[in-house]
């Protein structure tokens, strides 16, 4: 993060949802079907980054399964979200909502 902030004014965190929880698949499984969600230490990680780096000019990509814990982590850190255009709109009866 420190290196990125030396080069840019703001950092986009791809797959931000992985900082709240990630899909863990046991070694040896041939598919991800037998995986499970595991809580990630996102809150502690961002607290430590702030302690070391100060303000974090970050925005969070809202791609994947966005659950209340992901929204809470994003909002508690004051990070704006970013929708990926292809997934930003839902189809309903063949029309965009």
N, C-alpha and C. Protein backbone atom coordinates (compact mmCIF):
# COMPACT_ATOMS: atom_id res chain seq x y z
N UNK A 1 0.83 -1.17 0.00
CA UNK A 1 0.00 0.00 0.00
C UNK A 1 0.88 1.25 0.00
N UNK A 2 1.91 1.23 0.81
CA UNK A 2 2.79 2.39 0.89
C UNK A 2 3.40 2.70 -0.48
N UNK A 3 3.85 1.69 -1.19
CA UNK A 3 4.44 1.90 -2.52
C UNK A 3 3.39 2.44 -3.49
N UNK A 4 2.19 1.91 -3.44
CA UNK A 4 1.12 2.39 -4.33
C UNK A 4 0.80 3.85 -4.05
N UNK A 5 0.76 4.23 -2.78
CA UNK A 5 0.43 5.61 -2.43
C UNK A 5 1.55 6.58 -2.79
N UNK A 6 2.76 6.09 -2.94
CA UNK A 6 3.84 6.97 -3.42
C UNK A 6 3.67 7.28 -4.90
N UNK A 7 3.02 6.37 -5.63
CA UNK A 7 2.88 6.50 -7.08
C UNK A 7 1.55 7.09 -7.52
N UNK A 8 0.52 7.00 -6.68
CA UNK A 8 -0.82 7.43 -7.09
C UNK A 8 -1.48 8.26 -6.00
N UNK A 9 -2.55 8.95 -6.38
CA UNK A 9 -3.30 9.76 -5.42
C UNK A 9 -4.37 8.96 -4.70
N UNK A 10 -4.84 7.89 -5.34
CA UNK A 10 -5.90 7.06 -4.76
C UNK A 10 -5.69 5.62 -5.24
N UNK A 11 -6.07 4.67 -4.40
CA UNK A 11 -5.87 3.26 -4.71
C UNK A 11 -7.22 2.55 -4.76
N UNK A 12 -7.44 1.79 -5.82
CA UNK A 12 -8.63 0.94 -5.92
C UNK A 12 -8.28 -0.44 -5.38
N UNK A 13 -9.10 -0.92 -4.46
CA UNK A 13 -8.90 -2.27 -3.94
C UNK A 13 -9.85 -3.20 -4.69
N UNK A 14 -9.29 -4.04 -5.54
CA UNK A 14 -10.08 -5.03 -6.26
C UNK A 14 -10.54 -6.12 -5.30
N UNK A 15 -11.71 -6.65 -5.55
CA UNK A 15 -12.26 -7.76 -4.74
C UNK A 15 -12.20 -7.44 -3.25
N UNK A 16 -12.66 -6.23 -2.91
CA UNK A 16 -12.64 -5.76 -1.52
C UNK A 16 -13.32 -6.74 -0.57
N UNK A 17 -14.31 -7.48 -1.09
CA UNK A 17 -15.06 -8.40 -0.23
C UNK A 17 -14.15 -9.41 0.47
N UNK A 18 -12.99 -9.69 -0.12
CA UNK A 18 -12.05 -10.63 0.48
C UNK A 18 -11.42 -10.13 1.77
N UNK A 19 -11.57 -8.84 2.07
CA UNK A 19 -11.06 -8.32 3.34
C UNK A 19 -12.06 -8.52 4.48
N UNK A 20 -13.31 -8.85 4.15
CA UNK A 20 -14.32 -9.18 5.16
C UNK A 20 -14.38 -10.69 5.36
N UNK A 21 -14.42 -11.43 4.26
CA UNK A 21 -14.41 -12.90 4.30
C UNK A 21 -13.98 -13.40 2.93
N UNK A 22 -13.39 -14.57 2.92
CA UNK A 22 -12.93 -15.15 1.65
C UNK A 22 -13.38 -16.61 1.59
N UNK A 23 -13.43 -17.13 0.37
CA UNK A 23 -13.86 -18.51 0.12
C UNK A 23 -12.64 -19.41 0.22
N UNK A 24 -12.64 -20.29 1.21
CA UNK A 24 -11.51 -21.19 1.45
C UNK A 24 -11.86 -22.58 0.93
N UNK A 25 -10.98 -23.13 0.11
CA UNK A 25 -11.18 -24.46 -0.45
C UNK A 25 -10.06 -25.36 0.08
N UNK A 26 -10.42 -26.49 0.68
CA UNK A 26 -9.39 -27.39 1.21
C UNK A 26 -8.43 -27.87 0.11
N UNK A 27 -7.16 -28.00 0.47
CA UNK A 27 -6.17 -28.52 -0.46
C UNK A 27 -6.60 -29.91 -0.91
N UNK A 28 -6.38 -30.20 -2.15
CA UNK A 28 -6.72 -31.52 -2.68
C UNK A 28 -8.10 -31.60 -3.30
N UNK A 29 -8.95 -30.61 -3.05
CA UNK A 29 -10.27 -30.60 -3.68
C UNK A 29 -10.11 -30.30 -5.17
N UNK A 30 -10.91 -30.95 -5.98
CA UNK A 30 -10.81 -30.73 -7.42
C UNK A 30 -11.71 -29.59 -7.89
N UNK A 31 -12.67 -29.19 -7.06
CA UNK A 31 -13.52 -28.03 -7.37
C UNK A 31 -13.66 -27.19 -6.11
N UNK A 32 -14.25 -26.02 -6.26
CA UNK A 32 -14.47 -25.13 -5.12
C UNK A 32 -15.79 -25.43 -4.41
N UNK A 33 -16.49 -26.47 -4.83
CA UNK A 33 -17.80 -26.77 -4.25
C UNK A 33 -17.75 -27.07 -2.75
N UNK A 34 -16.64 -27.56 -2.26
CA UNK A 34 -16.55 -27.94 -0.86
C UNK A 34 -15.86 -26.87 -0.01
N UNK A 35 -15.87 -25.66 -0.50
CA UNK A 35 -15.28 -24.56 0.25
C UNK A 35 -16.25 -23.98 1.27
N UNK A 36 -15.75 -22.99 1.99
CA UNK A 36 -16.58 -22.31 2.99
C UNK A 36 -16.07 -20.88 3.16
N UNK A 37 -16.97 -20.00 3.60
CA UNK A 37 -16.58 -18.62 3.88
C UNK A 37 -15.82 -18.58 5.20
N UNK A 38 -14.72 -17.85 5.21
CA UNK A 38 -13.89 -17.69 6.40
C UNK A 38 -13.72 -16.19 6.66
N UNK A 39 -13.95 -15.79 7.90
CA UNK A 39 -13.79 -14.37 8.26
C UNK A 39 -12.34 -13.94 8.04
N UNK A 40 -12.18 -12.75 7.50
CA UNK A 40 -10.84 -12.19 7.25
C UNK A 40 -10.58 -11.04 8.23
N UNK A 41 -9.33 -10.74 8.51
CA UNK A 41 -9.00 -9.69 9.48
C UNK A 41 -8.95 -8.29 8.86
N UNK A 42 -9.93 -7.96 8.03
CA UNK A 42 -9.92 -6.67 7.33
C UNK A 42 -9.92 -5.48 8.26
N UNK A 43 -10.75 -5.52 9.31
CA UNK A 43 -10.83 -4.40 10.24
C UNK A 43 -9.47 -4.12 10.86
N UNK A 44 -8.83 -5.16 11.35
CA UNK A 44 -7.52 -5.01 11.99
C UNK A 44 -6.46 -4.57 10.98
N UNK A 45 -6.53 -5.11 9.77
CA UNK A 45 -5.56 -4.74 8.73
C UNK A 45 -5.64 -3.26 8.41
N UNK A 46 -6.85 -2.74 8.20
CA UNK A 46 -6.99 -1.33 7.85
C UNK A 46 -6.64 -0.42 9.03
N UNK A 47 -6.92 -0.87 10.27
CA UNK A 47 -6.49 -0.10 11.44
C UNK A 47 -4.97 0.02 11.49
N UNK A 48 -4.29 -1.09 11.24
CA UNK A 48 -2.83 -1.08 11.27
C UNK A 48 -2.26 -0.23 10.14
N UNK A 49 -2.87 -0.31 8.96
CA UNK A 49 -2.40 0.53 7.85
C UNK A 49 -2.55 2.01 8.18
N UNK A 50 -3.66 2.38 8.80
CA UNK A 50 -3.87 3.79 9.18
C UNK A 50 -2.83 4.22 10.21
N UNK A 51 -2.53 3.33 11.14
CA UNK A 51 -1.54 3.64 12.17
C UNK A 51 -0.18 3.93 11.52
N UNK A 52 0.17 3.14 10.52
CA UNK A 52 1.48 3.28 9.88
C UNK A 52 1.52 4.33 8.78
N UNK A 53 0.40 4.49 8.04
CA UNK A 53 0.41 5.33 6.84
C UNK A 53 -0.43 6.58 6.94
N UNK A 54 -1.27 6.68 7.96
CA UNK A 54 -2.19 7.82 8.05
C UNK A 54 -3.43 7.58 7.21
N UNK A 55 -3.98 8.66 6.68
CA UNK A 55 -5.20 8.57 5.89
C UNK A 55 -5.02 7.63 4.71
N UNK A 56 -6.05 6.85 4.42
CA UNK A 56 -5.99 5.89 3.31
C UNK A 56 -6.92 6.36 2.19
N UNK A 57 -6.37 6.97 1.14
CA UNK A 57 -7.19 7.38 -0.01
C UNK A 57 -7.49 6.16 -0.88
N UNK A 58 -8.55 5.45 -0.52
CA UNK A 58 -8.88 4.16 -1.11
C UNK A 58 -10.33 4.15 -1.55
N UNK A 59 -10.64 3.45 -2.63
CA UNK A 59 -12.03 3.11 -2.91
C UNK A 59 -12.12 1.62 -3.16
N UNK A 60 -13.28 1.07 -2.81
CA UNK A 60 -13.46 -0.38 -2.79
C UNK A 60 -14.33 -0.84 -3.95
N UNK A 61 -13.80 -1.77 -4.72
CA UNK A 61 -14.56 -2.36 -5.82
C UNK A 61 -15.65 -3.27 -5.25
N UNK A 62 -16.88 -3.05 -5.69
CA UNK A 62 -18.02 -3.84 -5.21
C UNK A 62 -18.30 -4.99 -6.15
N UNK A 63 -17.36 -5.91 -6.27
CA UNK A 63 -17.52 -7.05 -7.16
C UNK A 63 -17.56 -8.32 -6.33
N UNK A 64 -18.47 -9.19 -6.64
CA UNK A 64 -18.60 -10.43 -5.91
C UNK A 64 -19.86 -10.43 -5.07
N UNK A 65 -19.91 -11.30 -4.11
CA UNK A 65 -21.07 -11.41 -3.23
C UNK A 65 -20.92 -10.35 -2.14
N UNK A 66 -21.66 -9.25 -2.27
CA UNK A 66 -21.54 -8.15 -1.32
C UNK A 66 -22.60 -8.33 -0.24
N UNK A 67 -22.13 -8.69 0.94
CA UNK A 67 -22.99 -8.97 2.08
C UNK A 67 -22.90 -7.82 3.08
N UNK A 68 -23.78 -7.79 4.08
CA UNK A 68 -23.74 -6.69 5.05
C UNK A 68 -22.39 -6.51 5.73
N UNK A 69 -21.65 -7.59 5.98
CA UNK A 69 -20.34 -7.44 6.62
C UNK A 69 -19.35 -6.72 5.71
N UNK A 70 -19.46 -6.92 4.41
CA UNK A 70 -18.59 -6.23 3.45
C UNK A 70 -18.95 -4.74 3.43
N UNK A 71 -20.24 -4.44 3.37
CA UNK A 71 -20.68 -3.04 3.37
C UNK A 71 -20.26 -2.34 4.66
N UNK A 72 -20.39 -3.04 5.79
CA UNK A 72 -20.01 -2.47 7.08
C UNK A 72 -18.51 -2.15 7.11
N UNK A 73 -17.67 -3.08 6.64
CA UNK A 73 -16.23 -2.85 6.62
C UNK A 73 -15.89 -1.65 5.74
N UNK A 74 -16.50 -1.58 4.56
CA UNK A 74 -16.28 -0.46 3.65
C UNK A 74 -16.71 0.85 4.30
N UNK A 75 -17.93 0.87 4.87
CA UNK A 75 -18.47 2.10 5.44
C UNK A 75 -17.73 2.53 6.70
N UNK A 76 -17.37 1.59 7.56
CA UNK A 76 -16.64 1.93 8.79
C UNK A 76 -15.29 2.56 8.48
N UNK A 77 -14.72 2.21 7.35
CA UNK A 77 -13.44 2.77 6.96
C UNK A 77 -13.58 4.02 6.11
N UNK A 78 -14.81 4.38 5.77
CA UNK A 78 -15.05 5.58 4.98
C UNK A 78 -14.61 5.44 3.54
N UNK A 79 -14.55 4.22 3.04
CA UNK A 79 -14.14 3.99 1.65
C UNK A 79 -15.35 4.07 0.74
N UNK A 80 -15.31 4.89 -0.29
CA UNK A 80 -16.40 4.85 -1.27
C UNK A 80 -16.34 3.53 -2.04
N UNK A 81 -17.49 3.09 -2.52
CA UNK A 81 -17.55 1.87 -3.32
C UNK A 81 -17.51 2.19 -4.80
N UNK A 82 -17.29 1.17 -5.61
CA UNK A 82 -17.25 1.33 -7.06
C UNK A 82 -17.91 0.11 -7.69
N UNK A 83 -18.96 0.33 -8.46
CA UNK A 83 -19.60 -0.78 -9.16
C UNK A 83 -18.89 -1.04 -10.47
N UNK A 84 -18.73 -2.30 -10.80
CA UNK A 84 -18.21 -2.69 -12.11
C UNK A 84 -19.38 -2.62 -13.08
N UNK A 85 -19.24 -1.85 -14.15
CA UNK A 85 -20.35 -1.53 -15.04
C UNK A 85 -21.13 -2.75 -15.50
N UNK A 86 -20.44 -3.81 -15.90
CA UNK A 86 -21.12 -5.00 -16.41
C UNK A 86 -22.05 -5.64 -15.38
N UNK A 87 -21.77 -5.43 -14.10
CA UNK A 87 -22.55 -6.07 -13.04
C UNK A 87 -23.36 -5.08 -12.22
N UNK A 88 -23.37 -3.82 -12.61
CA UNK A 88 -24.00 -2.77 -11.81
C UNK A 88 -25.51 -2.74 -11.93
N UNK A 89 -26.07 -3.34 -12.97
CA UNK A 89 -27.51 -3.28 -13.21
C UNK A 89 -28.08 -4.68 -13.27
N UNK A 90 -29.25 -4.84 -12.69
CA UNK A 90 -29.92 -6.15 -12.70
C UNK A 90 -30.96 -6.19 -13.82
N UNK A 91 -31.10 -7.33 -14.45
CA UNK A 91 -32.15 -7.53 -15.44
C UNK A 91 -33.41 -8.00 -14.74
N UNK A 92 -34.53 -7.38 -15.10
CA UNK A 92 -35.82 -7.79 -14.57
C UNK A 92 -36.80 -7.82 -15.73
N UNK A 93 -37.33 -8.98 -16.00
CA UNK A 93 -38.25 -9.14 -17.14
C UNK A 93 -37.61 -8.65 -18.43
N UNK A 94 -36.33 -8.91 -18.61
CA UNK A 94 -35.63 -8.53 -19.83
C UNK A 94 -35.24 -7.07 -19.91
N UNK A 95 -35.47 -6.31 -18.83
CA UNK A 95 -35.12 -4.88 -18.81
C UNK A 95 -34.13 -4.62 -17.69
N UNK A 96 -33.37 -3.55 -17.86
CA UNK A 96 -32.45 -3.15 -16.79
C UNK A 96 -33.20 -2.41 -15.71
N UNK A 97 -32.93 -2.75 -14.48
CA UNK A 97 -33.51 -2.00 -13.34
C UNK A 97 -32.66 -0.80 -13.04
